[in-house]
Amino acid sequence: METIFNRPQILLRNDLPGKNYRALGLKKPTALPHLDVPPQRRQGFSLLEIAIAISLLTIVTLSTVLLLVPIARQSRLQREIEAANLATKRVLEKIQATPFKDILAIYPQSSSIAIPELPNGSLVLTYTDPSADPLVIQANLTWESPEIGTLQRTFHTVRTE
């Protein structure tokens, strides 16, 4: 038996047609299934492989979408709250810019100011003691959120003469 580096040679195909393998001390090679299939039948993917791949892609896609939905919802809510804060800040800055003696005439107790940036948004101004100096102003903002429902935020500011 011929050896390379003292190892017996491995025969993968029927390289010795008509030879007596037993006389050479070799086992007759068995046919390997993937080598016996004609090349035109080994090309492409099987239907089972495609079904498994589509199932895996569907699972990954759905889990990603289900992860992103709450993130998008929270982002919309944060934008609403930011719009509410900015709208209230603008109104309170107008009040701060108004002369002290004119505040109660322009913005009477429990006056309501519409906030167009928010759905059904309104800002109600109340005063702890309208005749006092400093004037403590409380602004209650309410609006309808499509995500949660009615939301309310309360702001306080103080104005002196």
C-alpha atoms as a PDB file:
ATOM      1  CA  MET A   1       0.000   0.000   0.000  1.00  0.00           C
ATOM      2  CA  GLU A   2       1.363   3.364  -0.977  1.00  0.00           C
ATOM      3  CA  THR A   3       1.500   5.955   1.755  1.00  0.00           C
ATOM      4  CA  ILE A   4       2.237   9.623   1.905  1.00  0.00           C
ATOM      5  CA  PHE A   5       3.878  10.586   5.168  1.00  0.00           C
ATOM      6  CA  ASN A   6       2.975   7.139   6.470  1.00  0.00           C
ATOM      7  CA  ARG A   7      -0.754   7.712   5.995  1.00  0.00           C
ATOM      8  CA  PRO A   8      -2.899   5.537   3.759  1.00  0.00           C
ATOM      9  CA  GLN A   9      -4.364   7.272   0.759  1.00  0.00           C
ATOM     10  CA  ILE A  10      -8.084   7.948   0.868  1.00  0.00           C
ATOM     11  CA  LEU A  11     -10.003   7.184  -2.265  1.00  0.00           C
ATOM     12  CA  LEU A  12     -13.161   9.227  -2.748  1.00  0.00           C
ATOM     13  CA  ARG A  13     -14.186   7.868  -6.135  1.00  0.00           C
ATOM     14  CA  ASN A  14     -13.943   4.600  -7.882  1.00  0.00           C
ATOM     15  CA  ASP A  15     -10.376   5.368  -9.035  1.00  0.00           C
ATOM     16  CA  LEU A  16      -9.387   1.730  -9.454  1.00  0.00           C
ATOM     17  CA  PRO A  17     -11.968   0.210 -11.800  1.00  0.00           C
ATOM     18  CA  GLY A  18     -11.596  -3.545 -12.114  1.00  0.00           C
ATOM     19  CA  LYS A  19      -9.000  -3.694  -9.341  1.00  0.00           C
ATOM     20  CA  ASN A  20      -9.245  -5.888  -6.355  1.00  0.00           C
ATOM     21  CA  TYR A  21      -9.473  -3.532  -3.353  1.00  0.00           C
ATOM     22  CA  ARG A  22      -9.126  -6.381  -0.906  1.00  0.00           C
ATOM     23  CA  ALA A  23      -5.833  -7.458  -2.420  1.00  0.00           C
ATOM     24  CA  LEU A  24      -4.526  -3.913  -1.958  1.00  0.00           C
ATOM     25  CA  GLY A  25      -5.751  -3.799   1.639  1.00  0.00           C
ATOM     26  CA  LEU A  26      -8.300  -1.049   0.893  1.00  0.00           C
ATOM     27  CA  LYS A  27     -11.986  -0.833   1.502  1.00  0.00           C
ATOM     28  CA  LYS A  28     -14.137  -0.239  -1.502  1.00  0.00           C
ATOM     29  CA  PRO A  29     -15.261   3.414  -1.365  1.00  0.00           C
ATOM     30  CA  THR A  30     -18.934   4.030  -0.857  1.00  0.00           C
ATOM     31  CA  ALA A  31     -20.739   6.487  -3.011  1.00  0.00           C
ATOM     32  CA  LEU A  32     -21.199   9.918  -1.432  1.00  0.00           C
ATOM     33  CA  PRO A  33     -24.802  11.111  -1.957  1.00  0.00           C
ATOM     34  CA  HIS A  34     -23.933  14.691  -2.873  1.00  0.00           C
ATOM     35  CA  LEU A  35     -21.451  13.531  -5.533  1.00  0.00           C
ATOM     36  CA  ASP A  36     -23.910  11.174  -7.227  1.00  0.00           C
ATOM     37  CA  VAL A  37     -26.567  13.871  -7.823  1.00  0.00           C
ATOM     38  CA  PRO A  38     -26.331  15.429 -11.272  1.00  0.00           C
ATOM     39  CA  PRO A  39     -25.167  19.104 -11.142  1.00  0.00           C
ATOM     40  CA  GLN A  40     -28.391  20.504 -12.613  1.00  0.00           C
ATOM     41  CA  ARG A  41     -30.376  19.098  -9.650  1.00  0.00           C
ATOM     42  CA  ARG A  42     -28.054  20.584  -6.982  1.00  0.00           C
ATOM     43  CA  GLN A  43     -28.589  24.220  -8.020  1.00  0.00           C
ATOM     44  CA  GLY A  44     -30.856  26.636  -6.073  1.00  0.00           C
ATOM     45  CA  PHE A  45     -32.693  26.341  -2.789  1.00  0.00           C
ATOM     46  CA  SER A  46     -35.337  23.849  -1.791  1.00  0.00           C
ATOM     47  CA  LEU A  47     -38.861  24.922  -0.957  1.00  0.00           C
ATOM     48  CA  LEU A  48     -38.272  24.056   2.705  1.00  0.00           C
ATOM     49  CA  GLU A  49     -35.177  26.272   2.886  1.00  0.00           C
ATOM     50  CA  ILE A  50     -37.094  29.189   1.370  1.00  0.00           C
ATOM     51  CA  ALA A  51     -40.013  28.695   3.784  1.00  0.00           C
ATOM     52  CA  ILE A  52     -37.656  28.671   6.779  1.00  0.00           C
ATOM     53  CA  ALA A  53     -35.852  31.799   5.545  1.00  0.00           C
ATOM     54  CA  ILE A  54     -39.147  33.659   5.024  1.00  0.00           C
ATOM     55  CA  SER A  55     -40.342  32.598   8.488  1.00  0.00           C
ATOM     56  CA  LEU A  56     -37.154  33.870  10.124  1.00  0.00           C
ATOM     57  CA  LEU A  57     -37.299  37.169   8.253  1.00  0.00           C
ATOM     58  CA  THR A  58     -40.951  37.610   9.240  1.00  0.00           C
ATOM     59  CA  ILE A  59     -40.184  36.996  12.916  1.00  0.00           C
ATOM     60  CA  VAL A  60     -37.281  39.458  12.899  1.00  0.00           C
ATOM     61  CA  THR A  61     -39.315  42.114  11.061  1.00  0.00           C
ATOM     62  CA  LEU A  62     -42.346  41.808  13.338  1.00  0.00           C
ATOM     63  CA  SER A  63     -40.271  41.957  16.501  1.00  0.00           C
ATOM     64  CA  THR A  64     -38.498  45.073  15.217  1.00  0.00           C
ATOM     65  CA  VAL A  65     -41.792  46.767  14.351  1.00  0.00           C
ATOM     66  CA  LEU A  66     -43.306  45.853  17.729  1.00  0.00           C
ATOM     67  CA  LEU A  67     -40.257  47.373  19.399  1.00  0.00           C
ATOM     68  CA  LEU A  68     -40.510  50.625  17.424  1.00  0.00           C
ATOM     69  CA  VAL A  69     -44.238  51.277  17.981  1.00  0.00           C
ATOM     70  CA  PRO A  70     -43.950  52.288  21.685  1.00  0.00           C
ATOM     71  CA  ILE A  71     -40.879  54.385  20.904  1.00  0.00           C
ATOM     72  CA  ALA A  72     -42.772  56.300  18.196  1.00  0.00           C
ATOM     73  CA  ARG A  73     -45.755  56.776  20.543  1.00  0.00           C
ATOM     74  CA  GLN A  74     -43.535  58.190  23.289  1.00  0.00           C
ATOM     75  CA  SER A  75     -41.870  60.493  20.766  1.00  0.00           C
ATOM     76  CA  ARG A  76     -45.257  61.911  19.666  1.00  0.00           C
ATOM     77  CA  LEU A  77     -46.247  62.463  23.290  1.00  0.00           C
ATOM     78  CA  GLN A  78     -42.967  64.276  24.011  1.00  0.00           C
ATOM     79  CA  ARG A  79     -43.578  66.565  20.996  1.00  0.00           C
ATOM     80  CA  GLU A  80     -47.048  67.408  22.350  1.00  0.00           C
ATOM     81  CA  ILE A  81     -45.680  68.219  25.807  1.00  0.00           C
ATOM     82  CA  GLU A  82     -42.941  70.368  24.277  1.00  0.00           C
ATOM     83  CA  ALA A  83     -45.533  72.271  22.227  1.00  0.00           C
ATOM     84  CA  ALA A  84     -47.598  72.754  25.418  1.00  0.00           C
ATOM     85  CA  ASN A  85     -44.597  74.088  27.324  1.00  0.00           C
ATOM     86  CA  LEU A  86     -43.659  76.512  24.533  1.00  0.00           C
ATOM     87  CA  ALA A  87     -47.225  77.799  24.117  1.00  0.00           C
ATOM     88  CA  THR A  88     -47.565  78.397  27.873  1.00  0.00           C
ATOM     89  CA  LYS A  89     -44.166  80.059  28.000  1.00  0.00           C
ATOM     90  CA  ARG A  90     -45.217  82.513  25.246  1.00  0.00           C
ATOM     91  CA  VAL A  91     -48.393  83.458  27.136  1.00  0.00           C
ATOM     92  CA  LEU A  92     -46.572  83.875  30.467  1.00  0.00           C
ATOM     93  CA  GLU A  93     -43.892  86.013  28.773  1.00  0.00           C
ATOM     94  CA  LYS A  94     -46.665  88.253  27.363  1.00  0.00           C
ATOM     95  CA  ILE A  95     -48.068  88.602  30.883  1.00  0.00           C
ATOM     96  CA  GLN A  96     -44.615  89.466  32.225  1.00  0.00           C
ATOM     97  CA  ALA A  97     -44.234  92.105  29.482  1.00  0.00           C
ATOM     98  CA  THR A  98     -47.625  93.696  30.294  1.00  0.00           C
ATOM     99  CA  PRO A  99     -47.538  96.679  32.686  1.00  0.00           C
ATOM    100  CA  PHE A 100     -48.434  95.544  36.209  1.00  0.00           C
ATOM    101  CA  LYS A 101     -51.549  97.738  36.531  1.00  0.00           C
ATOM    102  CA  ASP A 102     -52.975  96.374  33.230  1.00  0.00           C
ATOM    103  CA  ILE A 103     -52.536  92.644  33.902  1.00  0.00           C
ATOM    104  CA  LEU A 104     -55.911  92.145  35.611  1.00  0.00           C
ATOM    105  CA  ALA A 105     -57.697  94.234  32.946  1.00  0.00           C
ATOM    106  CA  ILE A 106     -56.180  92.321  30.016  1.00  0.00           C
ATOM    107  CA  TYR A 107     -56.137  88.887  31.711  1.00  0.00           C
ATOM    108  CA  PRO A 108     -59.039  88.801  34.230  1.00  0.00           C
ATOM    109  CA  GLN A 109     -59.386  86.106  36.911  1.00  0.00           C
ATOM    110  CA  SER A 110     -60.175  82.662  35.347  1.00  0.00           C
ATOM    111  CA  SER A 111     -59.679  83.980  31.837  1.00  0.00           C
ATOM    112  CA  SER A 112     -59.231  81.293  29.202  1.00  0.00           C
ATOM    113  CA  ILE A 113     -56.757  81.585  26.334  1.00  0.00           C
ATOM    114  CA  ALA A 114     -57.010  79.206  23.358  1.00  0.00           C
ATOM    115  CA  ILE A 115     -53.821  77.365  22.402  1.00  0.00           C
ATOM    116  CA  PRO A 116     -54.093  76.569  18.670  1.00  0.00           C
ATOM    117  CA  GLU A 117     -50.966  74.354  18.612  1.00  0.00           C
ATOM    118  CA  LEU A 118     -52.754  71.735  20.729  1.00  0.00           C
ATOM    119  CA  PRO A 119     -56.046  69.934  20.057  1.00  0.00           C
ATOM    120  CA  ASN A 120     -58.724  71.565  22.277  1.00  0.00           C
ATOM    121  CA  GLY A 121     -55.914  73.388  24.064  1.00  0.00           C
ATOM    122  CA  SER A 122     -56.837  76.092  26.561  1.00  0.00           C
ATOM    123  CA  LEU A 123     -54.890  77.962  29.221  1.00  0.00           C
ATOM    124  CA  VAL A 124     -56.851  79.216  32.259  1.00  0.00           C
ATOM    125  CA  LEU A 125     -55.218  81.965  34.330  1.00  0.00           C
ATOM    126  CA  THR A 126     -55.997  82.310  38.034  1.00  0.00           C
ATOM    127  CA  TYR A 127     -54.505  84.556  40.709  1.00  0.00           C
ATOM    128  CA  THR A 128     -53.961  83.637  44.362  1.00  0.00           C
ATOM    129  CA  ASP A 129     -54.769  87.211  45.510  1.00  0.00           C
ATOM    130  CA  PRO A 130     -55.505  89.604  42.616  1.00  0.00           C
ATOM    131  CA  SER A 131     -54.976  92.709  44.803  1.00  0.00           C
ATOM    132  CA  ALA A 132     -51.596  91.632  46.221  1.00  0.00           C
ATOM    133  CA  ASP A 133     -48.147  92.672  45.167  1.00  0.00           C
ATOM    134  CA  PRO A 134     -46.412  90.370  44.219  1.00  0.00           C
ATOM    135  CA  LEU A 135     -49.074  88.868  41.984  1.00  0.00           C
ATOM    136  CA  VAL A 136     -48.911  85.038  41.990  1.00  0.00           C
ATOM    137  CA  ILE A 137     -50.200  83.714  38.668  1.00  0.00           C
ATOM    138  CA  GLN A 138     -51.243  80.123  38.113  1.00  0.00           C
ATOM    139  CA  ALA A 139     -51.725  78.888  34.535  1.00  0.00           C
ATOM    140  CA  ASN A 140     -53.599  75.594  34.038  1.00  0.00           C
ATOM    141  CA  LEU A 141     -53.156  74.145  30.567  1.00  0.00           C
ATOM    142  CA  THR A 142     -55.451  71.349  29.330  1.00  0.00           C
ATOM    143  CA  TRP A 143     -55.611  69.660  25.941  1.00  0.00           C
ATOM    144  CA  GLU A 144     -56.788  66.457  24.275  1.00  0.00           C
ATOM    145  CA  SER A 145     -54.006  64.072  23.334  1.00  0.00           C
ATOM    146  CA  PRO A 146     -54.882  61.547  20.625  1.00  0.00           C
ATOM    147  CA  GLU A 147     -52.585  59.033  22.364  1.00  0.00           C
ATOM    148  CA  ILE A 148     -53.700  59.311  26.015  1.00  0.00           C
ATOM    149  CA  GLY A 149     -56.747  61.542  26.315  1.00  0.00           C
ATOM    150  CA  THR A 150     -57.049  64.711  28.373  1.00  0.00           C
ATOM    151  CA  LEU A 151     -53.745  66.044  29.669  1.00  0.00           C
ATOM    152  CA  GLN A 152     -53.184  68.880  32.116  1.00  0.00           C
ATOM    153  CA  ARG A 153     -50.132  70.854  33.196  1.00  0.00           C
ATOM    154  CA  THR A 154     -49.903  73.605  35.793  1.00  0.00           C
ATOM    155  CA  PHE A 155     -47.438  76.510  35.684  1.00  0.00           C
ATOM    156  CA  HIS A 156     -46.727  79.214  38.271  1.00  0.00           C
ATOM    157  CA  THR A 157     -45.115  82.604  37.948  1.00  0.00           C
ATOM    158  CA  VAL A 158     -44.832  85.742  40.067  1.00  0.00           C
ATOM    159  CA  ARG A 159     -45.104  89.345  38.879  1.00  0.00           C
ATOM    160  CA  THR A 160     -44.210  92.397  40.910  1.00  0.00           C
ATOM    161  CA  GLU A 161     -44.630  96.103  40.223  1.00  0.00           C
END
